[in-house]
Amino acid sequence: MKIAIIGAGNVGKTLGRRWAERGHVVSYGVRDPKDSRHDELKAQGHVAANFDVAQGADVVVLATRWQQI
């Protein structure tokens, strides 16, 4: 299954890692994909802008802080 996770904090990274361990294809949506703080995620899965990862995903998970909604 293709899963897009919008948000790359503790919750998003943990969910993505667990789903990837179970064979799912995980993509992370972030505000600035070129930011070096996302280098760790790039090793785990695809990192791109929110809109880009949501297209073509079977499931989109919103894992952002409540204040950002």
C-alpha atoms as a PDB file:
ATOM      1  CA  MET A   1       0.000   0.000   0.000  1.00  0.00           C
ATOM      2  CA  LYS A   2       1.221   3.537  -0.752  1.00  0.00           C
ATOM      3  CA  ILE A   3       1.028   5.686   2.386  1.00  0.00           C
ATOM      4  CA  ALA A   4       1.646   9.443   2.439  1.00  0.00           C
ATOM      5  CA  ILE A   5       2.383  10.971   5.821  1.00  0.00           C
ATOM      6  CA  ILE A   6       1.947  14.722   6.083  1.00  0.00           C
ATOM      7  CA  GLY A   7       4.290  15.701   8.891  1.00  0.00           C
ATOM      8  CA  ALA A   8       7.758  14.514   9.792  1.00  0.00           C
ATOM      9  CA  GLY A   9       7.795  14.864  13.565  1.00  0.00           C
ATOM     10  CA  ASN A  10       8.009  12.101  16.134  1.00  0.00           C
ATOM     11  CA  VAL A  11       4.587  10.657  15.333  1.00  0.00           C
ATOM     12  CA  GLY A  12       4.964  10.787  11.546  1.00  0.00           C
ATOM     13  CA  LYS A  13       8.450   9.254  11.597  1.00  0.00           C
ATOM     14  CA  THR A  14       7.420   6.461  13.961  1.00  0.00           C
ATOM     15  CA  LEU A  15       4.319   5.555  11.972  1.00  0.00           C
ATOM     16  CA  GLY A  16       6.257   5.640   8.712  1.00  0.00           C
ATOM     17  CA  ARG A  17       9.059   3.453  10.022  1.00  0.00           C
ATOM     18  CA  ARG A  18       6.626   0.845  11.355  1.00  0.00           C
ATOM     19  CA  TRP A  19       4.563   0.737   8.164  1.00  0.00           C
ATOM     20  CA  ALA A  20       7.709   0.490   6.027  1.00  0.00           C
ATOM     21  CA  GLU A  21       8.865  -2.463   8.157  1.00  0.00           C
ATOM     22  CA  ARG A  22       5.620  -4.177   7.178  1.00  0.00           C
ATOM     23  CA  GLY A  23       6.257  -3.670   3.475  1.00  0.00           C
ATOM     24  CA  HIS A  24       4.301  -0.507   2.727  1.00  0.00           C
ATOM     25  CA  VAL A  25       5.696   2.256   0.512  1.00  0.00           C
ATOM     26  CA  VAL A  26       5.925   5.372   2.676  1.00  0.00           C
ATOM     27  CA  SER A  27       6.309   8.976   1.517  1.00  0.00           C
ATOM     28  CA  TYR A  28       6.690  11.995   3.786  1.00  0.00           C
ATOM     29  CA  GLY A  29       5.167  15.377   3.043  1.00  0.00           C
ATOM     30  CA  VAL A  30       7.053  18.342   4.468  1.00  0.00           C
ATOM     31  CA  ARG A  31       7.069  22.114   3.941  1.00  0.00           C
ATOM     32  CA  ASP A  32      10.638  22.278   2.650  1.00  0.00           C
ATOM     33  CA  PRO A  33      11.908  18.957   1.220  1.00  0.00           C
ATOM     34  CA  LYS A  34      15.401  20.418   0.680  1.00  0.00           C
ATOM     35  CA  ASP A  35      15.860  21.181   4.392  1.00  0.00           C
ATOM     36  CA  SER A  36      18.785  19.167   5.772  1.00  0.00           C
ATOM     37  CA  ARG A  37      16.810  18.134   8.861  1.00  0.00           C
ATOM     38  CA  HIS A  38      14.899  15.719   6.622  1.00  0.00           C
ATOM     39  CA  ASP A  39      18.019  13.846   5.443  1.00  0.00           C
ATOM     40  CA  GLU A  40      17.307  11.032   7.896  1.00  0.00           C
ATOM     41  CA  LEU A  41      13.847  10.552   6.364  1.00  0.00           C
ATOM     42  CA  LYS A  42      15.202  10.511   2.838  1.00  0.00           C
ATOM     43  CA  ALA A  43      17.024   7.295   3.735  1.00  0.00           C
ATOM     44  CA  GLN A  44      13.739   5.764   4.940  1.00  0.00           C
ATOM     45  CA  GLY A  45      11.414   6.907   2.167  1.00  0.00           C
ATOM     46  CA  HIS A  46      10.461   9.524  -0.358  1.00  0.00           C
ATOM     47  CA  VAL A  47      10.361  13.126   0.935  1.00  0.00           C
ATOM     48  CA  ALA A  48       8.567  15.829  -1.047  1.00  0.00           C
ATOM     49  CA  ALA A  49       6.071  18.656  -0.732  1.00  0.00           C
ATOM     50  CA  ASN A  50       2.736  17.764   0.880  1.00  0.00           C
ATOM     51  CA  PHE A  51       0.754  17.949  -2.351  1.00  0.00           C
ATOM     52  CA  ASP A  52       3.240  15.764  -4.235  1.00  0.00           C
ATOM     53  CA  VAL A  53       3.233  12.868  -1.768  1.00  0.00           C
ATOM     54  CA  ALA A  54      -0.557  12.893  -1.441  1.00  0.00           C
ATOM     55  CA  GLN A  55      -1.082  12.351  -5.160  1.00  0.00           C
ATOM     56  CA  GLY A  56      -1.254   8.674  -5.961  1.00  0.00           C
ATOM     57  CA  ALA A  57      -1.289   7.567  -2.323  1.00  0.00           C
ATOM     58  CA  ASP A  58      -3.779   4.964  -1.172  1.00  0.00           C
ATOM     59  CA  VAL A  59      -3.871   6.531   2.295  1.00  0.00           C
ATOM     60  CA  VAL A  60      -2.932  10.027   3.496  1.00  0.00           C
ATOM     61  CA  VAL A  61      -2.148  10.420   7.205  1.00  0.00           C
ATOM     62  CA  LEU A  62      -2.139  13.853   8.825  1.00  0.00           C
ATOM     63  CA  ALA A  63       0.516  13.849  11.555  1.00  0.00           C
ATOM     64  CA  THR A  64       1.031  17.516  12.362  1.00  0.00           C
ATOM     65  CA  ARG A  65       0.823  19.464  15.589  1.00  0.00           C
ATOM     66  CA  TRP A  66      -2.673  20.699  16.373  1.00  0.00           C
ATOM     67  CA  GLN A  67      -1.512  24.343  16.244  1.00  0.00           C
ATOM     68  CA  GLN A  68      -0.456  23.925  12.599  1.00  0.00           C
ATOM     69  CA  ILE A  69      -3.863  22.930  11.312  1.00  0.00           C
END
